[in-house]
C-alpha atoms as a PDB file:
ATOM      1  CA  MET A   1    -101.846 154.639 -48.992  1.00  0.00           C
ATOM      2  CA  THR A   2     -98.614 156.510 -49.733  1.00  0.00           C
ATOM      3  CA  ASP A   3     -98.061 154.707 -53.039  1.00  0.00           C
ATOM      4  CA  LEU A   4    -101.674 155.287 -54.050  1.00  0.00           C
ATOM      5  CA  ALA A   5    -101.396 158.996 -53.293  1.00  0.00           C
ATOM      6  CA  GLY A   6     -98.176 159.259 -55.284  1.00  0.00           C
ATOM      7  CA  SER A   7     -99.599 157.412 -58.285  1.00  0.00           C
ATOM      8  CA  THR A   8    -102.767 159.509 -58.214  1.00  0.00           C
ATOM      9  CA  ALA A   9    -100.759 162.731 -58.019  1.00  0.00           C
ATOM     10  CA  VAL A  10     -98.630 161.774 -61.026  1.00  0.00           C
ATOM     11  CA  GLY A  11    -101.575 160.543 -63.079  1.00  0.00           C
ATOM     12  CA  SER A  12    -103.760 163.584 -62.433  1.00  0.00           C
ATOM     13  CA  LEU A  13    -100.815 165.922 -63.048  1.00  0.00           C
ATOM     14  CA  VAL A  14    -100.119 164.335 -66.423  1.00  0.00           C
ATOM     15  CA  ALA A  15    -103.805 164.584 -67.347  1.00  0.00           C
ATOM     16  CA  PHE A  16    -103.987 168.212 -66.225  1.00  0.00           C
ATOM     17  CA  VAL A  17    -100.852 169.178 -68.165  1.00  0.00           C
ATOM     18  CA  LEU A  18    -102.157 167.459 -71.297  1.00  0.00           C
ATOM     19  CA  LEU A  19    -105.511 169.222 -71.003  1.00  0.00           C
ATOM     20  CA  THR A  20    -103.751 172.550 -70.434  1.00  0.00           C
ATOM     21  CA  LEU A  21    -101.604 172.017 -73.540  1.00  0.00           C
ATOM     22  CA  ILE A  22    -104.669 171.155 -75.607  1.00  0.00           C
ATOM     23  CA  VAL A  23    -106.524 174.261 -74.419  1.00  0.00           C
ATOM     24  CA  THR A  24    -103.474 176.415 -75.112  1.00  0.00           C
ATOM     25  CA  GLY A  25    -102.925 174.819 -78.509  1.00  0.00           C
ATOM     26  CA  GLN A  26    -106.501 175.652 -79.463  1.00  0.00           C
ATOM     27  CA  ASP A  27    -105.965 179.309 -78.443  1.00  0.00           C
ATOM     28  CA  GLY A  28    -108.603 178.929 -75.747  1.00  0.00           C
ATOM     29  CA  ALA A  29    -111.332 177.827 -78.148  1.00  0.00           C
ATOM     30  CA  PRO A  30    -113.977 175.456 -76.739  1.00  0.00           C
ATOM     31  CA  LEU A  31    -113.120 171.769 -76.941  1.00  0.00           C
ATOM     32  CA  PHE A  32    -115.283 168.865 -78.046  1.00  0.00           C
ATOM     33  CA  GLY A  33    -118.640 169.005 -76.262  1.00  0.00           C
ATOM     34  CA  ASP A  34    -118.060 172.365 -74.581  1.00  0.00           C
ATOM     35  CA  GLN A  35    -120.395 174.350 -76.808  1.00  0.00           C
ATOM     36  CA  ASP A  36    -123.096 171.674 -76.779  1.00  0.00           C
ATOM     37  CA  LEU A  37    -123.195 171.585 -72.984  1.00  0.00           C
ATOM     38  CA  ASN A  38    -123.327 175.369 -72.709  1.00  0.00           C
ATOM     39  CA  ALA A  39    -126.052 175.575 -75.344  1.00  0.00           C
ATOM     40  CA  TRP A  40    -128.107 172.919 -73.545  1.00  0.00           C
ATOM     41  CA  SER A  41    -127.681 174.743 -70.230  1.00  0.00           C
ATOM     42  CA  ALA A  42    -128.775 178.067 -71.712  1.00  0.00           C
ATOM     43  CA  HIS A  43    -132.062 176.510 -72.886  1.00  0.00           C
ATOM     44  CA  HIS A  44    -132.816 174.549 -69.701  1.00  0.00           C
ATOM     45  CA  ARG A  45    -132.931 177.081 -66.881  1.00  0.00           C
ATOM     46  CA  PRO A  46    -136.304 177.029 -65.153  1.00  0.00           C
ATOM     47  CA  PRO A  47    -136.537 179.542 -62.275  1.00  0.00           C
ATOM     48  CA  VAL A  48    -136.243 176.976 -59.468  1.00  0.00           C
ATOM     49  CA  ALA A  49    -133.220 175.221 -60.988  1.00  0.00           C
ATOM     50  CA  LEU A  50    -131.589 178.560 -61.742  1.00  0.00           C
ATOM     51  CA  ALA A  51    -132.052 179.757 -58.169  1.00  0.00           C
ATOM     52  CA  LEU A  52    -130.652 176.511 -56.773  1.00  0.00           C
ATOM     53  CA  ALA A  53    -127.666 176.655 -59.109  1.00  0.00           C
ATOM     54  CA  ARG A  54    -126.906 180.239 -58.140  1.00  0.00           C
ATOM     55  CA  GLY A  55    -127.166 179.465 -54.450  1.00  0.00           C
ATOM     56  CA  LEU A  56    -124.953 176.419 -54.780  1.00  0.00           C
ATOM     57  CA  THR A  57    -122.311 178.112 -56.915  1.00  0.00           C
ATOM     58  CA  TYR A  58    -121.881 180.872 -54.302  1.00  0.00           C
ATOM     59  CA  THR A  59    -120.814 178.253 -51.738  1.00  0.00           C
ATOM     60  CA  GLY A  60    -117.772 177.422 -53.859  1.00  0.00           C
ATOM     61  CA  THR A  61    -115.909 180.612 -53.044  1.00  0.00           C
ATOM     62  CA  GLY A  62    -115.400 183.093 -50.228  1.00  0.00           C
ATOM     63  CA  VAL A  63    -115.495 182.249 -46.529  1.00  0.00           C
ATOM     64  CA  LEU A  64    -117.252 178.872 -46.616  1.00  0.00           C
ATOM     65  CA  PRO A  65    -114.447 176.827 -48.250  1.00  0.00           C
ATOM     66  CA  TYR A  66    -111.928 178.230 -45.773  1.00  0.00           C
ATOM     67  CA  ALA A  67    -114.262 177.429 -42.887  1.00  0.00           C
ATOM     68  CA  MET A  68    -114.546 173.882 -44.229  1.00  0.00           C
ATOM     69  CA  VAL A  69    -110.798 173.311 -44.442  1.00  0.00           C
ATOM     70  CA  ALA A  70    -110.310 174.803 -40.978  1.00  0.00           C
ATOM     71  CA  LEU A  71    -112.961 172.380 -39.719  1.00  0.00           C
ATOM     72  CA  ALA A  72    -111.078 169.548 -41.428  1.00  0.00           C
ATOM     73  CA  GLY A  73    -107.998 170.464 -39.398  1.00  0.00           C
ATOM     74  CA  VAL A  74    -110.015 170.537 -36.189  1.00  0.00           C
ATOM     75  CA  VAL A  75    -111.460 167.101 -36.943  1.00  0.00           C
ATOM     76  CA  LEU A  76    -108.003 165.671 -37.634  1.00  0.00           C
ATOM     77  CA  GLY A  77    -106.390 166.999 -34.455  1.00  0.00           C
ATOM     78  CA  ARG A  78    -106.562 165.195 -31.122  1.00  0.00           C
ATOM     79  CA  THR A  79    -105.268 167.954 -28.869  1.00  0.00           C
ATOM     80  CA  ALA A  80    -105.827 171.704 -28.904  1.00  0.00           C
ATOM     81  CA  ARG A  81    -102.329 172.241 -30.292  1.00  0.00           C
ATOM     82  CA  GLN A  82    -102.814 169.640 -33.031  1.00  0.00           C
ATOM     83  CA  ARG A  83    -106.183 171.092 -34.003  1.00  0.00           C
ATOM     84  CA  THR A  84    -104.664 174.549 -34.352  1.00  0.00           C
ATOM     85  CA  LEU A  85    -101.701 173.321 -36.394  1.00  0.00           C
ATOM     86  CA  PHE A  86    -103.810 171.114 -38.647  1.00  0.00           C
ATOM     87  CA  ALA A  87    -106.359 173.874 -39.183  1.00  0.00           C
ATOM     88  CA  LEU A  88    -103.614 176.317 -40.182  1.00  0.00           C
ATOM     89  CA  GLY A  89    -102.043 173.698 -42.425  1.00  0.00           C
ATOM     90  CA  CYS A  90    -105.320 172.994 -44.220  1.00  0.00           C
ATOM     91  CA  VAL A  91    -106.003 176.717 -44.692  1.00  0.00           C
ATOM     92  CA  GLY A  92    -102.485 177.138 -46.065  1.00  0.00           C
ATOM     93  CA  CYS A  93    -103.025 174.179 -48.407  1.00  0.00           C
ATOM     94  CA  LEU A  94    -106.125 175.808 -49.903  1.00  0.00           C
ATOM     95  CA  ALA A  95    -104.532 179.243 -50.134  1.00  0.00           C
ATOM     96  CA  ALA A  96    -101.445 177.860 -51.881  1.00  0.00           C
ATOM     97  CA  ALA A  97    -103.610 175.908 -54.324  1.00  0.00           C
ATOM     98  CA  GLN A  98    -105.560 179.040 -55.187  1.00  0.00           C
ATOM     99  CA  ALA A  99    -102.328 180.945 -55.800  1.00  0.00           C
ATOM    100  CA  VAL A 100    -100.937 178.264 -58.118  1.00  0.00           C
ATOM    101  CA  ARG A 101    -104.254 177.970 -59.956  1.00  0.00           C
ATOM    102  CA  TYR A 102    -104.334 181.725 -60.448  1.00  0.00           C
ATOM    103  CA  GLY A 103    -100.863 181.562 -61.961  1.00  0.00           C
ATOM    104  CA  VAL A 104    -101.912 178.828 -64.391  1.00  0.00           C
ATOM    105  CA  MET A 105    -105.079 180.729 -65.251  1.00  0.00           C
ATOM    106  CA  SER A 106    -103.102 183.876 -66.043  1.00  0.00           C
ATOM    107  CA  LEU A 107    -100.632 181.974 -68.234  1.00  0.00           C
ATOM    108  CA  VAL A 108    -103.323 180.159 -70.226  1.00  0.00           C
ATOM    109  CA  ALA A 109    -105.552 183.275 -70.461  1.00  0.00           C
ATOM    110  CA  ARG A 110    -108.536 181.406 -71.854  1.00  0.00           C
ATOM    111  CA  PRO A 111    -111.614 183.552 -72.622  1.00  0.00           C
ATOM    112  CA  ARG A 112    -114.897 182.659 -70.962  1.00  0.00           C
ATOM    113  CA  PRO A 113    -118.038 181.750 -72.913  1.00  0.00           C
ATOM    114  CA  ALA A 114    -119.981 184.646 -74.440  1.00  0.00           C
ATOM    115  CA  THR A 115    -121.536 186.893 -71.776  1.00  0.00           C
ATOM    116  CA  LEU A 116    -124.961 186.494 -73.393  1.00  0.00           C
ATOM    117  CA  GLU A 117    -125.041 182.968 -71.916  1.00  0.00           C
ATOM    118  CA  TRP A 118    -124.139 184.060 -68.385  1.00  0.00           C
ATOM    119  CA  ALA A 119    -126.712 183.606 -65.616  1.00  0.00           C
ATOM    120  CA  THR A 120    -124.421 184.833 -62.820  1.00  0.00           C
ATOM    121  CA  ARG A 121    -121.474 187.154 -62.364  1.00  0.00           C
ATOM    122  CA  ALA A 122    -117.912 186.073 -63.106  1.00  0.00           C
ATOM    123  CA  SER A 123    -114.491 187.658 -63.499  1.00  0.00           C
ATOM    124  CA  GLY A 124    -111.024 186.718 -64.711  1.00  0.00           C
ATOM    125  CA  TRP A 125    -109.947 184.117 -67.226  1.00  0.00           C
ATOM    126  CA  SER A 126    -111.662 180.783 -67.625  1.00  0.00           C
ATOM    127  CA  PHE A 127    -109.203 177.873 -67.245  1.00  0.00           C
ATOM    128  CA  PRO A 128    -109.125 176.185 -64.802  1.00  0.00           C
ATOM    129  CA  SER A 129    -112.348 177.028 -62.969  1.00  0.00           C
ATOM    130  CA  GLY A 130    -111.684 178.696 -59.624  1.00  0.00           C
ATOM    131  CA  HIS A 131    -114.971 177.701 -57.973  1.00  0.00           C
ATOM    132  CA  THR A 132    -114.436 174.112 -59.087  1.00  0.00           C
ATOM    133  CA  THR A 133    -110.874 173.953 -57.780  1.00  0.00           C
ATOM    134  CA  THR A 134    -111.698 175.620 -54.469  1.00  0.00           C
ATOM    135  CA  SER A 135    -114.753 173.496 -53.707  1.00  0.00           C
ATOM    136  CA  ALA A 136    -112.994 170.266 -54.729  1.00  0.00           C
ATOM    137  CA  ILE A 137    -110.019 170.944 -52.459  1.00  0.00           C
ATOM    138  CA  ALA A 138    -112.190 172.117 -49.553  1.00  0.00           C
ATOM    139  CA  GLY A 139    -114.538 169.167 -49.894  1.00  0.00           C
ATOM    140  CA  GLY A 140    -111.649 166.778 -50.431  1.00  0.00           C
ATOM    141  CA  LEU A 141    -109.817 167.837 -47.294  1.00  0.00           C
ATOM    142  CA  LEU A 142    -112.959 167.507 -45.212  1.00  0.00           C
ATOM    143  CA  VAL A 143    -113.698 164.105 -46.749  1.00  0.00           C
ATOM    144  CA  LEU A 144    -110.188 162.910 -45.858  1.00  0.00           C
ATOM    145  CA  ALA A 145    -110.617 164.212 -42.307  1.00  0.00           C
ATOM    146  CA  VAL A 146    -114.002 162.544 -41.837  1.00  0.00           C
ATOM    147  CA  LEU A 147    -112.833 159.208 -43.212  1.00  0.00           C
ATOM    148  CA  ALA A 148    -109.664 159.334 -41.094  1.00  0.00           C
ATOM    149  CA  ARG A 149    -111.600 159.787 -37.869  1.00  0.00           C
ATOM    150  CA  ALA A 150    -114.779 157.880 -38.712  1.00  0.00           C
ATOM    151  CA  PRO A 151    -113.996 155.483 -41.584  1.00  0.00           C
ATOM    152  CA  ARG A 152    -117.385 153.742 -41.374  1.00  0.00           C
ATOM    153  CA  GLY A 153    -119.828 156.159 -39.783  1.00  0.00           C
ATOM    154  CA  GLY A 154    -118.562 159.074 -41.840  1.00  0.00           C
ATOM    155  CA  ARG A 155    -119.119 157.545 -45.267  1.00  0.00           C
ATOM    156  CA  ALA A 156    -122.531 159.135 -45.768  1.00  0.00           C
ATOM    157  CA  LEU A 157    -121.190 162.574 -44.859  1.00  0.00           C
ATOM    158  CA  ALA A 158    -118.148 162.051 -47.079  1.00  0.00           C
ATOM    159  CA  ALA A 159    -120.436 161.149 -49.999  1.00  0.00           C
ATOM    160  CA  LEU A 160    -122.509 164.296 -49.438  1.00  0.00           C
ATOM    161  CA  LEU A 161    -119.374 166.445 -49.393  1.00  0.00           C
ATOM    162  CA  ALA A 162    -118.118 164.844 -52.598  1.00  0.00           C
ATOM    163  CA  CYS A 163    -121.491 165.452 -54.272  1.00  0.00           C
ATOM    164  CA  TRP A 164    -121.416 169.085 -53.157  1.00  0.00           C
ATOM    165  CA  ALA A 165    -117.973 169.616 -54.692  1.00  0.00           C
ATOM    166  CA  VAL A 166    -119.020 167.996 -57.977  1.00  0.00           C
ATOM    167  CA  LEU A 167    -122.252 169.997 -58.161  1.00  0.00           C
ATOM    168  CA  VAL A 168    -120.471 173.304 -57.557  1.00  0.00           C
ATOM    169  CA  GLY A 169    -118.303 172.589 -60.562  1.00  0.00           C
ATOM    170  CA  LEU A 170    -121.276 171.638 -62.718  1.00  0.00           C
ATOM    171  CA  THR A 171    -123.131 174.843 -61.806  1.00  0.00           C
ATOM    172  CA  ARG A 172    -120.355 176.835 -63.451  1.00  0.00           C
ATOM    173  CA  VAL A 173    -121.244 175.227 -66.781  1.00  0.00           C
ATOM    174  CA  TYR A 174    -124.981 175.384 -66.117  1.00  0.00           C
ATOM    175  CA  LEU A 175    -124.770 179.104 -65.390  1.00  0.00           C
ATOM    176  CA  GLY A 176    -122.795 179.692 -68.577  1.00  0.00           C
ATOM    177  CA  VAL A 177    -119.630 181.201 -67.105  1.00  0.00           C
ATOM    178  CA  HIS A 178    -117.299 178.267 -67.816  1.00  0.00           C
ATOM    179  CA  TRP A 179    -116.714 175.600 -70.405  1.00  0.00           C
ATOM    180  CA  PHE A 180    -116.902 172.021 -69.141  1.00  0.00           C
ATOM    181  CA  SER A 181    -113.198 171.602 -69.940  1.00  0.00           C
ATOM    182  CA  ASP A 182    -112.530 174.430 -67.441  1.00  0.00           C
ATOM    183  CA  VAL A 183    -114.358 172.436 -64.793  1.00  0.00           C
ATOM    184  CA  LEU A 184    -112.543 169.240 -65.746  1.00  0.00           C
ATOM    185  CA  GLY A 185    -109.267 171.112 -65.412  1.00  0.00           C
ATOM    186  CA  GLY A 186    -110.273 172.293 -61.946  1.00  0.00           C
ATOM    187  CA  TRP A 187    -111.090 168.751 -60.836  1.00  0.00           C
ATOM    188  CA  LEU A 188    -107.802 167.381 -62.151  1.00  0.00           C
ATOM    189  CA  PHE A 189    -105.831 170.177 -60.516  1.00  0.00           C
ATOM    190  CA  ALA A 190    -107.584 169.633 -57.176  1.00  0.00           C
ATOM    191  CA  LEU A 191    -107.063 165.862 -57.303  1.00  0.00           C
ATOM    192  CA  CYS A 192    -103.381 166.346 -58.042  1.00  0.00           C
ATOM    193  CA  TRP A 193    -103.003 168.915 -55.257  1.00  0.00           C
ATOM    194  CA  LEU A 194    -104.746 166.784 -52.632  1.00  0.00           C
ATOM    195  CA  SER A 195    -102.855 163.627 -53.604  1.00  0.00           C
ATOM    196  CA  LEU A 196     -99.550 165.473 -53.609  1.00  0.00           C
ATOM    197  CA  GLY A 197    -100.332 166.863 -50.164  1.00  0.00           C
ATOM    198  CA  VAL A 198    -101.066 163.407 -48.756  1.00  0.00           C
ATOM    199  CA  TYR A 199     -97.928 161.947 -50.360  1.00  0.00           C
ATOM    200  CA  THR A 200     -95.713 164.788 -49.112  1.00  0.00           C
ATOM    201  CA  LEU A 201     -97.042 164.519 -45.557  1.00  0.00           C
ATOM    202  CA  ALA A 202     -96.518 160.758 -45.560  1.00  0.00           C
ATOM    203  CA  ARG A 203     -92.901 161.159 -46.702  1.00  0.00           C
ATOM    204  CA  ILE A 204     -91.871 164.196 -44.669  1.00  0.00           C
ATOM    205  CA  ALA A 205     -93.747 163.442 -41.451  1.00  0.00           C
ATOM    206  CA  PRO A 206     -94.594 159.708 -41.387  1.00  0.00           C
ATOM    207  CA  GLN A 207     -95.432 159.727 -37.684  1.00  0.00           C
ATOM    208  CA  THR A 208     -97.881 162.579 -38.118  1.00  0.00           C
ATOM    209  CA  PHE A 209     -99.375 160.847 -41.150  1.00  0.00           C
ATOM    210  CA  SER A 210     -99.803 157.607 -39.195  1.00  0.00           C
ATOM    211  CA  SER A 211    -101.616 159.457 -36.432  1.00  0.00           C
ATOM    212  CA  LEU A 212    -104.201 160.661 -38.948  1.00  0.00           C
ATOM    213  CA  GLN A 213    -105.468 157.180 -39.730  1.00  0.00           C
ATOM    214  CA  PRO A 214    -105.633 155.295 -36.411  1.00  0.00           C
ATOM    215  CA  ALA A 215    -109.252 154.293 -36.737  1.00  0.00           C
ATOM    216  CA  ALA A 216    -108.835 152.414 -39.990  1.00  0.00           C
ATOM    217  CA  GLU A 217    -105.500 150.898 -39.026  1.00  0.00           C
ATOM    218  CA  GLY A 218    -106.806 149.957 -35.589  1.00  0.00           C
ATOM    219  CA  GLY A 219    -109.765 148.203 -37.177  1.00  0.00           C
ATOM    220  CA  ARG A 220    -107.539 146.210 -39.489  1.00  0.00           C
ATOM    221  CA  ARG A 221    -105.232 145.230 -36.647  1.00  0.00           C
ATOM    222  CA  ALA A 222    -108.184 144.114 -34.590  1.00  0.00           C
ATOM    223  CA  ARG A 223    -109.559 142.001 -37.449  1.00  0.00           C
ATOM    224  CA  ARG A 224    -106.148 140.403 -38.006  1.00  0.00           C
ATOM    225  CA  ALA A 225    -105.901 139.615 -34.307  1.00  0.00           C
ATOM    226  CA  ASP A 226    -109.387 138.076 -34.330  1.00  0.00           C
ATOM    227  CA  ARG A 227    -108.511 135.880 -37.320  1.00  0.00           C
ATOM    228  CA  ALA A 228    -105.277 134.790 -35.667  1.00  0.00           C
ATOM    229  CA  GLU A 229    -107.108 133.958 -32.456  1.00  0.00           C
ATOM    230  CA  ALA A 230    -109.761 132.013 -34.347  1.00  0.00           C
ATOM    231  CA  GLY A 231    -107.109 129.966 -36.155  1.00  0.00           C
ATOM    232  CA  ARG A 232    -105.103 129.183 -33.028  1.00  0.00           C
ATOM    233  CA  PRO A 233    -105.612 125.612 -31.700  1.00  0.00           C
ATOM    234  CA  ARG A 234    -107.381 125.539 -28.364  1.00  0.00           C
ATOM    235  CA  MET A 235    -106.104 123.526 -25.398  1.00  0.00           C
ATOM    236  CA  THR A 236    -108.584 121.075 -23.914  1.00  0.00           C
ATOM    237  CA  SER A 237    -108.345 119.354 -20.539  1.00  0.00           C
END
């Protein structure tokens, strides 16, 4: 798990840096496919789909993502003290990610698509998408918490959370306030941030990290014990 998190963090960081350099090198101009996707979105906005997209995109910012990461901390903790510490840690993780993303956004200073295409309000520069980053990190933390405590029963919920995070990002393109490459940048940044967080926790506090995955580890130990017992020769009288 630790090695996977480290490899994922490095890979997504490299991809994010490369994408950032490409966007910067193009002076913020749309990349391949960006304009086509925005043009398609602008001509395919029936009232029902538009209302759903607006409602969904609003869940990617504000109080809800912070409530989700706080809930992730509560799910991870086993005692009242652990729940409080984990909840604060998850909130701090999201807040720090937003601060770093804002710094990158200010440095890149990429203009948004033309306001004539907008179907919702937006502010600030374009890359990477803030709604996309926030929802991906919030959903990702809650997915990790659910899978840590209910690795089998929580799969359906984890899939729903992942779909929610992806859809929030896509609504930013559909509503015309971001290029798809902005959304891709947000996903890469969030993946790097989450993976780096898991890797750092595993290295700095291995005991705490081990306590966050007892269900999965316990299941594997039990299966190994069952296989060993099945392969052991039985004594007969």
